[in-house]
N, C-alpha and C. Protein backbone atom coordinates (compact mmCIF):
# COMPACT_ATOMS: atom_id res chain seq x y z
N MET A 1 -54.03 -14.05 19.09
CA MET A 1 -54.34 -15.09 18.14
C MET A 1 -54.01 -14.59 16.73
N ALA A 2 -53.35 -15.39 15.95
CA ALA A 2 -53.04 -15.04 14.58
C ALA A 2 -54.32 -15.09 13.74
N ALA A 3 -54.23 -14.58 12.52
CA ALA A 3 -55.39 -14.61 11.63
C ALA A 3 -55.64 -16.06 11.22
N THR A 4 -56.53 -16.71 11.94
CA THR A 4 -56.80 -18.12 11.73
C THR A 4 -58.30 -18.34 11.64
N LYS A 5 -58.67 -19.61 11.59
CA LYS A 5 -60.09 -19.96 11.59
C LYS A 5 -60.77 -19.46 12.86
N TYR A 6 -60.02 -19.37 13.96
CA TYR A 6 -60.57 -18.89 15.22
C TYR A 6 -60.86 -17.39 15.14
N THR A 7 -59.93 -16.65 14.56
CA THR A 7 -60.12 -15.21 14.42
C THR A 7 -61.28 -14.90 13.49
N GLU A 8 -61.37 -15.65 12.40
CA GLU A 8 -62.45 -15.44 11.44
C GLU A 8 -63.82 -15.63 12.09
N LEU A 9 -63.97 -16.71 12.84
CA LEU A 9 -65.25 -16.96 13.52
C LEU A 9 -65.50 -15.93 14.62
N SER A 10 -64.45 -15.56 15.35
CA SER A 10 -64.60 -14.54 16.40
C SER A 10 -65.10 -13.22 15.81
N ASN A 11 -64.55 -12.85 14.66
CA ASN A 11 -64.99 -11.61 14.02
C ASN A 11 -66.46 -11.67 13.63
N LYS A 12 -66.90 -12.79 13.09
CA LYS A 12 -68.31 -12.94 12.70
C LYS A 12 -69.23 -12.89 13.92
N LEU A 13 -68.81 -13.57 14.99
CA LEU A 13 -69.63 -13.56 16.20
C LEU A 13 -69.64 -12.18 16.86
N SER A 14 -68.53 -11.45 16.78
CA SER A 14 -68.49 -10.10 17.34
C SER A 14 -69.46 -9.17 16.62
N VAL A 15 -69.55 -9.31 15.31
CA VAL A 15 -70.52 -8.51 14.54
C VAL A 15 -71.93 -8.88 14.97
N LEU A 16 -72.20 -10.17 15.10
CA LEU A 16 -73.52 -10.62 15.53
C LEU A 16 -73.84 -10.09 16.93
N LEU A 17 -72.85 -10.10 17.82
CA LEU A 17 -73.04 -9.59 19.18
C LEU A 17 -73.38 -8.10 19.15
N ALA A 18 -72.68 -7.35 18.32
CA ALA A 18 -72.93 -5.91 18.22
C ALA A 18 -74.33 -5.62 17.66
N GLU A 19 -74.78 -6.47 16.76
CA GLU A 19 -76.11 -6.28 16.16
C GLU A 19 -77.24 -6.73 17.08
N SER A 20 -76.95 -7.58 18.07
CA SER A 20 -77.98 -8.14 18.95
C SER A 20 -77.94 -7.47 20.31
N SER A 21 -78.43 -6.27 20.38
CA SER A 21 -78.39 -5.55 21.65
C SER A 21 -79.71 -5.65 22.42
N SER A 22 -80.65 -6.38 21.89
CA SER A 22 -81.96 -6.49 22.53
C SER A 22 -81.89 -7.39 23.76
N THR A 23 -82.76 -7.13 24.72
CA THR A 23 -82.80 -7.96 25.93
C THR A 23 -84.04 -8.83 25.98
N SER A 24 -84.83 -8.83 24.91
CA SER A 24 -86.04 -9.67 24.94
C SER A 24 -85.66 -11.13 24.75
N GLU A 25 -86.46 -12.00 25.33
CA GLU A 25 -86.17 -13.43 25.26
C GLU A 25 -86.18 -13.93 23.82
N SER A 26 -87.13 -13.47 23.02
CA SER A 26 -87.21 -13.94 21.64
C SER A 26 -86.00 -13.48 20.82
N GLN A 27 -85.55 -12.25 21.05
CA GLN A 27 -84.37 -11.75 20.34
C GLN A 27 -83.11 -12.50 20.79
N ASN A 28 -83.03 -12.82 22.09
CA ASN A 28 -81.90 -13.61 22.58
C ASN A 28 -81.88 -14.99 21.94
N ALA A 29 -83.06 -15.61 21.82
CA ALA A 29 -83.16 -16.94 21.21
C ALA A 29 -82.74 -16.90 19.74
N ILE A 30 -83.16 -15.85 19.02
CA ILE A 30 -82.79 -15.72 17.61
C ILE A 30 -81.28 -15.51 17.47
N ALA A 31 -80.71 -14.63 18.30
CA ALA A 31 -79.27 -14.37 18.24
C ALA A 31 -78.48 -15.62 18.59
N CYS A 32 -78.96 -16.37 19.58
CA CYS A 32 -78.30 -17.61 19.98
C CYS A 32 -78.33 -18.61 18.82
N SER A 33 -79.46 -18.74 18.17
CA SER A 33 -79.59 -19.65 17.02
C SER A 33 -78.67 -19.23 15.88
N ASN A 34 -78.61 -17.93 15.61
CA ASN A 34 -77.72 -17.44 14.56
C ASN A 34 -76.26 -17.70 14.89
N ALA A 35 -75.90 -17.55 16.16
CA ALA A 35 -74.53 -17.83 16.58
C ALA A 35 -74.19 -19.30 16.38
N VAL A 36 -75.11 -20.17 16.74
CA VAL A 36 -74.90 -21.62 16.57
C VAL A 36 -74.75 -21.96 15.09
N ILE A 37 -75.54 -21.32 14.24
CA ILE A 37 -75.44 -21.55 12.79
C ILE A 37 -74.06 -21.13 12.28
N LEU A 38 -73.58 -19.96 12.74
CA LEU A 38 -72.25 -19.51 12.34
C LEU A 38 -71.16 -20.48 12.78
N VAL A 39 -71.27 -20.97 14.01
CA VAL A 39 -70.27 -21.90 14.54
C VAL A 39 -70.29 -23.20 13.74
N ASN A 40 -71.48 -23.73 13.51
CA ASN A 40 -71.58 -25.00 12.79
C ASN A 40 -71.15 -24.89 11.33
N GLY A 41 -71.22 -23.70 10.77
CA GLY A 41 -70.77 -23.48 9.40
C GLY A 41 -69.31 -23.10 9.29
N SER A 42 -68.61 -23.05 10.40
CA SER A 42 -67.20 -22.64 10.40
C SER A 42 -66.28 -23.81 10.07
N THR A 43 -64.98 -23.52 10.03
CA THR A 43 -63.98 -24.56 9.72
C THR A 43 -63.39 -25.19 10.97
N LEU A 44 -64.00 -24.95 12.11
CA LEU A 44 -63.52 -25.58 13.34
C LEU A 44 -63.74 -27.09 13.26
N THR A 45 -62.99 -27.84 14.05
CA THR A 45 -63.19 -29.29 14.10
C THR A 45 -64.52 -29.57 14.81
N ARG A 46 -65.00 -30.79 14.69
CA ARG A 46 -66.27 -31.16 15.32
C ARG A 46 -66.22 -30.93 16.83
N GLU A 47 -65.11 -31.33 17.46
CA GLU A 47 -64.97 -31.16 18.91
C GLU A 47 -64.98 -29.69 19.29
N GLU A 48 -64.29 -28.86 18.49
CA GLU A 48 -64.25 -27.43 18.78
C GLU A 48 -65.64 -26.81 18.61
N LYS A 49 -66.34 -27.19 17.55
CA LYS A 49 -67.70 -26.68 17.33
C LYS A 49 -68.60 -27.05 18.50
N ASN A 50 -68.53 -28.32 18.93
CA ASN A 50 -69.37 -28.76 20.05
C ASN A 50 -69.08 -27.97 21.31
N ALA A 51 -67.80 -27.69 21.59
CA ALA A 51 -67.44 -26.94 22.79
C ALA A 51 -67.98 -25.52 22.74
N VAL A 52 -67.87 -24.87 21.58
CA VAL A 52 -68.35 -23.49 21.45
C VAL A 52 -69.88 -23.45 21.52
N VAL A 53 -70.54 -24.36 20.82
CA VAL A 53 -72.02 -24.40 20.85
C VAL A 53 -72.51 -24.67 22.27
N GLU A 54 -71.84 -25.57 22.98
CA GLU A 54 -72.22 -25.86 24.37
C GLU A 54 -72.06 -24.62 25.25
N ALA A 55 -70.96 -23.88 25.06
CA ALA A 55 -70.75 -22.66 25.85
C ALA A 55 -71.84 -21.64 25.56
N ILE A 56 -72.19 -21.49 24.30
CA ILE A 56 -73.25 -20.54 23.92
C ILE A 56 -74.58 -20.96 24.53
N GLY A 57 -74.94 -22.22 24.36
CA GLY A 57 -76.23 -22.72 24.85
C GLY A 57 -76.35 -22.69 26.35
N ASN A 58 -75.29 -23.10 27.06
CA ASN A 58 -75.34 -23.12 28.53
C ASN A 58 -75.45 -21.73 29.12
N THR A 59 -74.86 -20.75 28.45
CA THR A 59 -74.93 -19.38 28.96
C THR A 59 -76.25 -18.71 28.57
N ALA A 60 -76.69 -18.93 27.35
CA ALA A 60 -77.92 -18.28 26.88
C ALA A 60 -79.16 -18.85 27.54
N ASN A 61 -79.18 -20.15 27.75
CA ASN A 61 -80.38 -20.82 28.23
C ASN A 61 -79.99 -21.85 29.29
N PRO A 62 -79.49 -21.39 30.45
CA PRO A 62 -79.01 -22.35 31.45
C PRO A 62 -80.11 -23.21 32.06
N SER A 63 -81.32 -22.68 32.15
CA SER A 63 -82.41 -23.44 32.78
C SER A 63 -83.13 -24.35 31.77
N GLY A 64 -82.95 -24.06 30.50
CA GLY A 64 -83.65 -24.83 29.48
C GLY A 64 -85.02 -24.27 29.15
N TYR A 65 -85.41 -23.20 29.85
CA TYR A 65 -86.75 -22.63 29.63
C TYR A 65 -86.69 -21.19 29.13
N TYR A 66 -85.77 -20.41 29.65
CA TYR A 66 -85.78 -18.98 29.41
C TYR A 66 -84.40 -18.53 28.91
N TYR A 67 -84.37 -17.77 27.81
CA TYR A 67 -83.10 -17.25 27.28
C TYR A 67 -82.73 -15.99 28.04
N GLU A 68 -81.76 -16.12 28.95
CA GLU A 68 -81.34 -14.99 29.77
C GLU A 68 -80.53 -13.99 28.96
N ASN A 69 -79.74 -14.48 28.02
CA ASN A 69 -78.99 -13.63 27.10
C ASN A 69 -78.74 -14.42 25.83
N ASN A 70 -77.95 -13.86 24.92
CA ASN A 70 -77.76 -14.56 23.65
C ASN A 70 -76.58 -15.54 23.67
N GLY A 71 -75.74 -15.53 24.69
CA GLY A 71 -74.64 -16.48 24.84
C GLY A 71 -73.46 -16.26 23.92
N ILE A 72 -73.51 -15.22 23.11
CA ILE A 72 -72.45 -15.01 22.13
C ILE A 72 -71.12 -14.71 22.80
N GLN A 73 -71.14 -13.92 23.89
CA GLN A 73 -69.88 -13.60 24.58
C GLN A 73 -69.22 -14.87 25.11
N ALA A 74 -70.02 -15.80 25.62
CA ALA A 74 -69.46 -17.07 26.10
C ALA A 74 -68.84 -17.85 24.94
N GLY A 75 -69.47 -17.78 23.77
CA GLY A 75 -68.90 -18.42 22.59
C GLY A 75 -67.58 -17.80 22.19
N LEU A 76 -67.51 -16.47 22.26
CA LEU A 76 -66.25 -15.77 21.95
C LEU A 76 -65.15 -16.18 22.93
N ASP A 77 -65.51 -16.27 24.21
CA ASP A 77 -64.53 -16.69 25.22
C ASP A 77 -64.05 -18.12 24.97
N ALA A 78 -64.98 -19.00 24.59
CA ALA A 78 -64.62 -20.39 24.30
C ALA A 78 -63.68 -20.48 23.10
N ILE A 79 -63.94 -19.68 22.07
CA ILE A 79 -63.08 -19.67 20.88
C ILE A 79 -61.69 -19.16 21.24
N LYS A 80 -61.64 -18.12 22.07
CA LYS A 80 -60.35 -17.57 22.49
C LYS A 80 -59.54 -18.63 23.25
N LYS A 81 -60.21 -19.36 24.13
CA LYS A 81 -59.54 -20.40 24.91
C LYS A 81 -59.05 -21.53 24.00
N ILE A 82 -59.88 -21.97 23.07
CA ILE A 82 -59.50 -23.04 22.15
C ILE A 82 -58.33 -22.58 21.27
N GLY A 83 -58.39 -21.35 20.79
CA GLY A 83 -57.31 -20.82 19.94
C GLY A 83 -55.99 -20.72 20.67
N SER A 84 -56.02 -20.27 21.93
CA SER A 84 -54.76 -20.17 22.69
C SER A 84 -54.21 -21.55 23.02
N GLU A 85 -55.09 -22.52 23.29
CA GLU A 85 -54.62 -23.89 23.53
C GLU A 85 -54.00 -24.48 22.27
N ALA A 86 -54.58 -24.17 21.11
CA ALA A 86 -54.04 -24.68 19.84
C ALA A 86 -52.66 -24.07 19.56
N GLU A 87 -52.49 -22.78 19.87
CA GLU A 87 -51.19 -22.13 19.66
C GLU A 87 -50.13 -22.72 20.58
N GLU A 88 -50.51 -23.01 21.84
CA GLU A 88 -49.56 -23.57 22.79
C GLU A 88 -49.13 -24.98 22.40
N SER A 89 -50.01 -25.72 21.75
CA SER A 89 -49.69 -27.10 21.40
C SER A 89 -48.87 -27.22 20.12
N GLN A 90 -48.66 -26.10 19.40
CA GLN A 90 -47.85 -26.14 18.18
C GLN A 90 -46.39 -26.40 18.55
N PRO A 91 -45.75 -27.40 17.92
CA PRO A 91 -44.35 -27.66 18.22
C PRO A 91 -43.47 -26.55 17.65
N SER A 92 -42.40 -26.23 18.37
CA SER A 92 -41.48 -25.22 17.86
C SER A 92 -40.62 -25.86 16.77
N PRO A 93 -40.26 -25.10 15.74
CA PRO A 93 -39.50 -25.67 14.64
C PRO A 93 -38.10 -26.09 15.09
N THR A 94 -37.60 -27.15 14.48
CA THR A 94 -36.26 -27.62 14.78
C THR A 94 -35.26 -26.64 14.20
N ARG A 95 -34.30 -26.27 14.98
CA ARG A 95 -33.29 -25.34 14.52
C ARG A 95 -32.29 -26.09 13.65
N LEU A 96 -31.81 -25.44 12.62
CA LEU A 96 -30.87 -26.05 11.70
C LEU A 96 -29.45 -25.87 12.22
N ASN A 97 -28.74 -26.97 12.35
CA ASN A 97 -27.32 -26.92 12.63
C ASN A 97 -26.65 -27.98 11.77
N LEU A 98 -25.34 -28.11 11.87
CA LEU A 98 -24.60 -29.02 11.01
C LEU A 98 -25.09 -30.45 11.15
N LYS A 99 -25.38 -30.88 12.38
CA LYS A 99 -25.84 -32.25 12.62
C LYS A 99 -27.22 -32.48 11.99
N ASN A 100 -28.16 -31.55 12.22
CA ASN A 100 -29.50 -31.68 11.65
C ASN A 100 -29.46 -31.67 10.13
N LEU A 101 -28.60 -30.82 9.57
CA LEU A 101 -28.48 -30.73 8.12
C LEU A 101 -27.98 -32.04 7.54
N LYS A 102 -26.98 -32.63 8.16
CA LYS A 102 -26.44 -33.90 7.66
C LYS A 102 -27.45 -35.03 7.81
N ASN A 103 -28.34 -34.95 8.80
CA ASN A 103 -29.41 -35.95 8.92
C ASN A 103 -30.42 -35.81 7.78
N LEU A 104 -30.69 -34.58 7.35
CA LEU A 104 -31.63 -34.35 6.25
C LEU A 104 -31.05 -34.79 4.91
N VAL A 105 -29.77 -34.54 4.72
CA VAL A 105 -29.13 -34.77 3.44
C VAL A 105 -28.07 -35.85 3.60
N SER A 106 -28.42 -37.08 3.27
CA SER A 106 -27.45 -38.17 3.40
C SER A 106 -26.52 -38.17 2.19
N ASP A 107 -25.43 -38.91 2.28
CA ASP A 107 -24.46 -38.98 1.20
C ASP A 107 -25.12 -39.42 -0.10
N GLY A 108 -24.81 -38.69 -1.16
CA GLY A 108 -25.31 -39.04 -2.48
C GLY A 108 -26.63 -38.40 -2.85
N THR A 109 -27.37 -37.88 -1.89
CA THR A 109 -28.66 -37.25 -2.17
C THR A 109 -28.42 -35.89 -2.82
N ILE A 110 -29.06 -35.68 -3.95
CA ILE A 110 -28.94 -34.39 -4.63
C ILE A 110 -29.98 -33.45 -4.01
N PHE A 111 -29.53 -32.25 -3.69
CA PHE A 111 -30.43 -31.27 -3.08
C PHE A 111 -30.08 -29.88 -3.59
N SER A 112 -31.02 -28.96 -3.44
CA SER A 112 -30.75 -27.57 -3.78
C SER A 112 -30.73 -26.75 -2.50
N VAL A 113 -29.93 -25.73 -2.52
CA VAL A 113 -29.78 -24.90 -1.33
C VAL A 113 -29.66 -23.44 -1.76
N GLU A 114 -30.24 -22.56 -0.97
CA GLU A 114 -30.09 -21.12 -1.15
C GLU A 114 -29.48 -20.59 0.13
N PHE A 115 -28.40 -19.82 -0.01
CA PHE A 115 -27.74 -19.28 1.17
C PHE A 115 -27.16 -17.91 0.87
N ILE A 116 -26.85 -17.19 1.91
CA ILE A 116 -26.25 -15.86 1.79
C ILE A 116 -24.74 -16.03 1.86
N LYS A 117 -24.04 -15.55 0.84
CA LYS A 117 -22.58 -15.64 0.84
C LYS A 117 -22.02 -14.71 1.92
N ARG A 118 -21.05 -15.21 2.66
CA ARG A 118 -20.45 -14.40 3.72
C ARG A 118 -19.63 -13.26 3.16
N SER A 119 -19.00 -13.47 2.01
CA SER A 119 -18.08 -12.46 1.48
C SER A 119 -18.78 -11.19 1.01
N ASN A 120 -19.91 -11.33 0.31
CA ASN A 120 -20.55 -10.13 -0.24
C ASN A 120 -22.04 -10.01 0.08
N GLY A 121 -22.60 -10.96 0.80
CA GLY A 121 -23.99 -10.88 1.22
C GLY A 121 -25.02 -11.21 0.15
N GLU A 122 -24.58 -11.69 -1.02
CA GLU A 122 -25.54 -12.02 -2.07
C GLU A 122 -26.14 -13.40 -1.85
N LEU A 123 -27.34 -13.59 -2.37
CA LEU A 123 -28.03 -14.86 -2.26
C LEU A 123 -27.53 -15.77 -3.37
N ARG A 124 -27.05 -16.96 -3.01
CA ARG A 124 -26.55 -17.92 -3.99
C ARG A 124 -27.44 -19.15 -3.95
N LYS A 125 -27.76 -19.65 -5.14
CA LYS A 125 -28.53 -20.89 -5.28
C LYS A 125 -27.60 -21.94 -5.87
N MET A 126 -27.71 -23.16 -5.35
CA MET A 126 -26.80 -24.20 -5.77
C MET A 126 -27.49 -25.56 -5.73
N ILE A 127 -27.20 -26.39 -6.72
CA ILE A 127 -27.63 -27.79 -6.71
C ILE A 127 -26.39 -28.59 -6.37
N CYS A 128 -26.47 -29.38 -5.33
CA CYS A 128 -25.27 -30.05 -4.85
C CYS A 128 -25.59 -31.38 -4.19
N ARG A 129 -24.55 -32.05 -3.74
CA ARG A 129 -24.70 -33.31 -3.02
C ARG A 129 -23.51 -33.53 -2.12
N LEU A 130 -23.68 -34.40 -1.16
CA LEU A 130 -22.61 -34.77 -0.25
C LEU A 130 -22.01 -36.10 -0.68
N GLY A 131 -20.86 -36.42 -0.15
CA GLY A 131 -20.28 -37.75 -0.32
C GLY A 131 -19.57 -37.99 -1.63
N VAL A 132 -19.32 -36.96 -2.44
CA VAL A 132 -18.58 -37.14 -3.69
C VAL A 132 -17.10 -37.03 -3.36
N LYS A 133 -16.38 -38.14 -3.50
CA LYS A 133 -14.96 -38.14 -3.14
C LYS A 133 -14.09 -38.70 -4.26
N LYS A 134 -14.67 -39.03 -5.39
CA LYS A 134 -13.95 -39.71 -6.46
C LYS A 134 -12.77 -38.90 -6.99
N HIS A 135 -12.94 -37.61 -7.16
CA HIS A 135 -11.91 -36.80 -7.78
C HIS A 135 -11.09 -35.99 -6.79
N LEU A 136 -11.18 -36.29 -5.51
CA LEU A 136 -10.41 -35.53 -4.52
C LEU A 136 -8.93 -35.87 -4.62
N ARG A 137 -8.09 -34.84 -4.58
CA ARG A 137 -6.64 -35.02 -4.57
C ARG A 137 -6.06 -34.12 -3.50
N GLY A 138 -4.85 -34.40 -3.11
CA GLY A 138 -4.17 -33.55 -2.16
C GLY A 138 -4.47 -33.94 -0.74
N GLY A 139 -4.06 -33.07 0.16
CA GLY A 139 -4.22 -33.36 1.58
C GLY A 139 -5.48 -32.78 2.15
N ASP A 140 -5.40 -32.45 3.40
CA ASP A 140 -6.55 -31.90 4.11
C ASP A 140 -6.71 -30.41 3.81
N LYS A 141 -7.85 -29.88 4.20
CA LYS A 141 -8.10 -28.45 4.05
C LYS A 141 -7.21 -27.67 5.02
N ALA A 142 -7.03 -26.42 4.72
CA ALA A 142 -6.22 -25.56 5.58
C ALA A 142 -7.00 -25.10 6.81
N TYR A 143 -8.26 -25.42 6.89
CA TYR A 143 -9.09 -25.01 8.02
C TYR A 143 -10.03 -26.14 8.39
N ASP A 144 -10.58 -26.06 9.58
CA ASP A 144 -11.54 -27.05 10.05
C ASP A 144 -12.94 -26.54 9.71
N ALA A 145 -13.59 -27.18 8.72
CA ALA A 145 -14.91 -26.73 8.26
C ALA A 145 -15.93 -26.78 9.39
N LYS A 146 -15.86 -27.80 10.23
CA LYS A 146 -16.83 -27.93 11.32
C LYS A 146 -16.69 -26.77 12.32
N HIS A 147 -15.45 -26.37 12.57
CA HIS A 147 -15.20 -25.25 13.49
C HIS A 147 -15.81 -23.95 12.96
N HIS A 148 -15.80 -23.78 11.65
CA HIS A 148 -16.35 -22.57 11.02
C HIS A 148 -17.81 -22.75 10.63
N ASN A 149 -18.44 -23.87 11.03
CA ASN A 149 -19.83 -24.18 10.73
C ASN A 149 -20.09 -24.18 9.22
N LEU A 150 -19.17 -24.84 8.49
CA LEU A 150 -19.28 -24.95 7.04
C LEU A 150 -19.60 -26.39 6.65
N LEU A 151 -20.32 -26.53 5.58
CA LEU A 151 -20.64 -27.84 5.02
C LEU A 151 -19.99 -27.91 3.65
N THR A 152 -19.12 -28.89 3.45
CA THR A 152 -18.46 -29.05 2.16
C THR A 152 -19.33 -29.92 1.27
N VAL A 153 -19.66 -29.40 0.09
CA VAL A 153 -20.55 -30.09 -0.85
C VAL A 153 -19.90 -30.11 -2.23
N PHE A 154 -20.42 -30.97 -3.09
CA PHE A 154 -20.01 -30.99 -4.49
C PHE A 154 -21.06 -30.24 -5.28
N ASP A 155 -20.66 -29.13 -5.93
CA ASP A 155 -21.56 -28.31 -6.74
C ASP A 155 -21.79 -29.03 -8.06
N MET A 156 -23.02 -29.48 -8.30
CA MET A 156 -23.34 -30.27 -9.49
C MET A 156 -23.28 -29.44 -10.77
N GLU A 157 -23.54 -28.16 -10.69
CA GLU A 157 -23.53 -27.31 -11.88
C GLU A 157 -22.12 -26.92 -12.30
N LYS A 158 -21.27 -26.61 -11.35
CA LYS A 158 -19.90 -26.17 -11.64
C LYS A 158 -18.91 -27.33 -11.65
N GLY A 159 -19.30 -28.47 -11.07
CA GLY A 159 -18.41 -29.63 -11.03
C GLY A 159 -17.22 -29.43 -10.11
N CYS A 160 -17.44 -28.75 -9.01
CA CYS A 160 -16.34 -28.52 -8.06
C CYS A 160 -16.88 -28.53 -6.63
N TYR A 161 -15.98 -28.47 -5.68
CA TYR A 161 -16.34 -28.51 -4.28
C TYR A 161 -16.52 -27.10 -3.75
N ARG A 162 -17.49 -26.94 -2.89
CA ARG A 162 -17.79 -25.63 -2.28
C ARG A 162 -18.05 -25.83 -0.80
N SER A 163 -17.86 -24.76 -0.06
CA SER A 163 -18.18 -24.76 1.37
C SER A 163 -19.36 -23.82 1.58
N ILE A 164 -20.40 -24.34 2.20
CA ILE A 164 -21.61 -23.56 2.46
C ILE A 164 -21.67 -23.23 3.94
N PRO A 165 -21.83 -21.96 4.30
CA PRO A 165 -22.01 -21.62 5.72
C PRO A 165 -23.41 -22.05 6.17
N VAL A 166 -23.47 -22.99 7.09
CA VAL A 166 -24.75 -23.55 7.54
C VAL A 166 -25.64 -22.47 8.14
N ASP A 167 -25.05 -21.52 8.86
CA ASP A 167 -25.85 -20.48 9.50
C ASP A 167 -26.43 -19.47 8.51
N ALA A 168 -26.02 -19.54 7.24
CA ALA A 168 -26.53 -18.60 6.24
C ALA A 168 -27.54 -19.24 5.29
N ILE A 169 -27.89 -20.51 5.53
CA ILE A 169 -28.84 -21.20 4.66
C ILE A 169 -30.24 -20.60 4.86
N GLN A 170 -30.86 -20.23 3.74
CA GLN A 170 -32.20 -19.67 3.77
C GLN A 170 -33.26 -20.69 3.38
N ARG A 171 -32.90 -21.57 2.43
CA ARG A 171 -33.86 -22.55 1.91
C ARG A 171 -33.11 -23.79 1.48
N LEU A 172 -33.73 -24.94 1.74
CA LEU A 172 -33.14 -26.23 1.40
C LEU A 172 -34.24 -27.10 0.81
N CYS A 173 -34.01 -27.67 -0.36
CA CYS A 173 -34.98 -28.57 -0.99
C CYS A 173 -34.32 -29.93 -1.14
N VAL A 174 -34.90 -30.95 -0.50
CA VAL A 174 -34.34 -32.29 -0.56
C VAL A 174 -35.49 -33.30 -0.60
N ASN A 175 -35.38 -34.27 -1.48
CA ASN A 175 -36.39 -35.33 -1.63
C ASN A 175 -37.80 -34.76 -1.81
N GLY A 176 -37.92 -33.69 -2.56
CA GLY A 176 -39.23 -33.11 -2.84
C GLY A 176 -39.81 -32.25 -1.73
N GLN A 177 -39.07 -32.09 -0.65
CA GLN A 177 -39.55 -31.26 0.46
C GLN A 177 -38.70 -30.00 0.54
N ALA A 178 -39.36 -28.87 0.78
CA ALA A 178 -38.66 -27.60 0.90
C ALA A 178 -38.68 -27.16 2.35
N PHE A 179 -37.55 -26.72 2.83
CA PHE A 179 -37.42 -26.23 4.20
C PHE A 179 -36.92 -24.79 4.12
N SER A 180 -37.61 -23.88 4.78
CA SER A 180 -37.18 -22.48 4.82
C SER A 180 -36.68 -22.18 6.22
N PHE A 181 -35.59 -21.45 6.28
CA PHE A 181 -34.98 -21.14 7.56
C PHE A 181 -34.76 -19.64 7.64
N GLY A 182 -35.06 -19.09 8.80
CA GLY A 182 -34.72 -17.70 9.05
C GLY A 182 -33.42 -17.69 9.80
N GLU A 183 -33.54 -17.44 11.07
CA GLU A 183 -32.37 -17.44 11.94
C GLU A 183 -32.06 -18.88 12.33
N VAL A 184 -30.82 -19.30 12.17
CA VAL A 184 -30.43 -20.66 12.50
C VAL A 184 -29.32 -20.64 13.53
N SER A 185 -29.19 -21.74 14.29
CA SER A 185 -28.22 -21.77 15.38
C SER A 185 -26.88 -22.32 14.92
N HIS A 186 -25.87 -22.08 15.71
CA HIS A 186 -24.51 -22.53 15.41
C HIS A 186 -24.18 -23.75 16.23
N GLY A 187 -25.06 -24.75 16.33
CA GLY A 187 -24.80 -25.88 17.20
C GLY A 187 -24.41 -27.04 16.45
């Protein structure tokens, strides 16, 4: 589990568990109550809190009369289960490729991009846009940009056309949203 709200609560309950080594019923009841207070004061959702409190209560006092233990370990197990389910339900990020990039940045939209230059490895920042064809002259390019996974853009600062390697894009800001990319695919 990453350092999350689940880890934070687990750490607090682990400390409480270590401090509550008594086997007396009254001490178990106090530790159980303290654990419930910690859970209810946490940043878990209402459903998550209810599940953890139920696990603690059912284990500590299954009969409703006698506290057999403090139930904290059951609470820790419930948090671990909830945390792993939450991690599994996280969607994986969409990989950036030429098609996805063109969907994000439609013709005429001004955007900023940071990428690593292939020639010297330096980080370049650029404000640019797609779809500028007014001043184009001459024939076709000497290479197929799509084959080389390049995106041809109009550099707004320099007033000229540039080719950006899509696989080297580190950050893209468009319409007020910033997207950061690490490793990107060549699809």
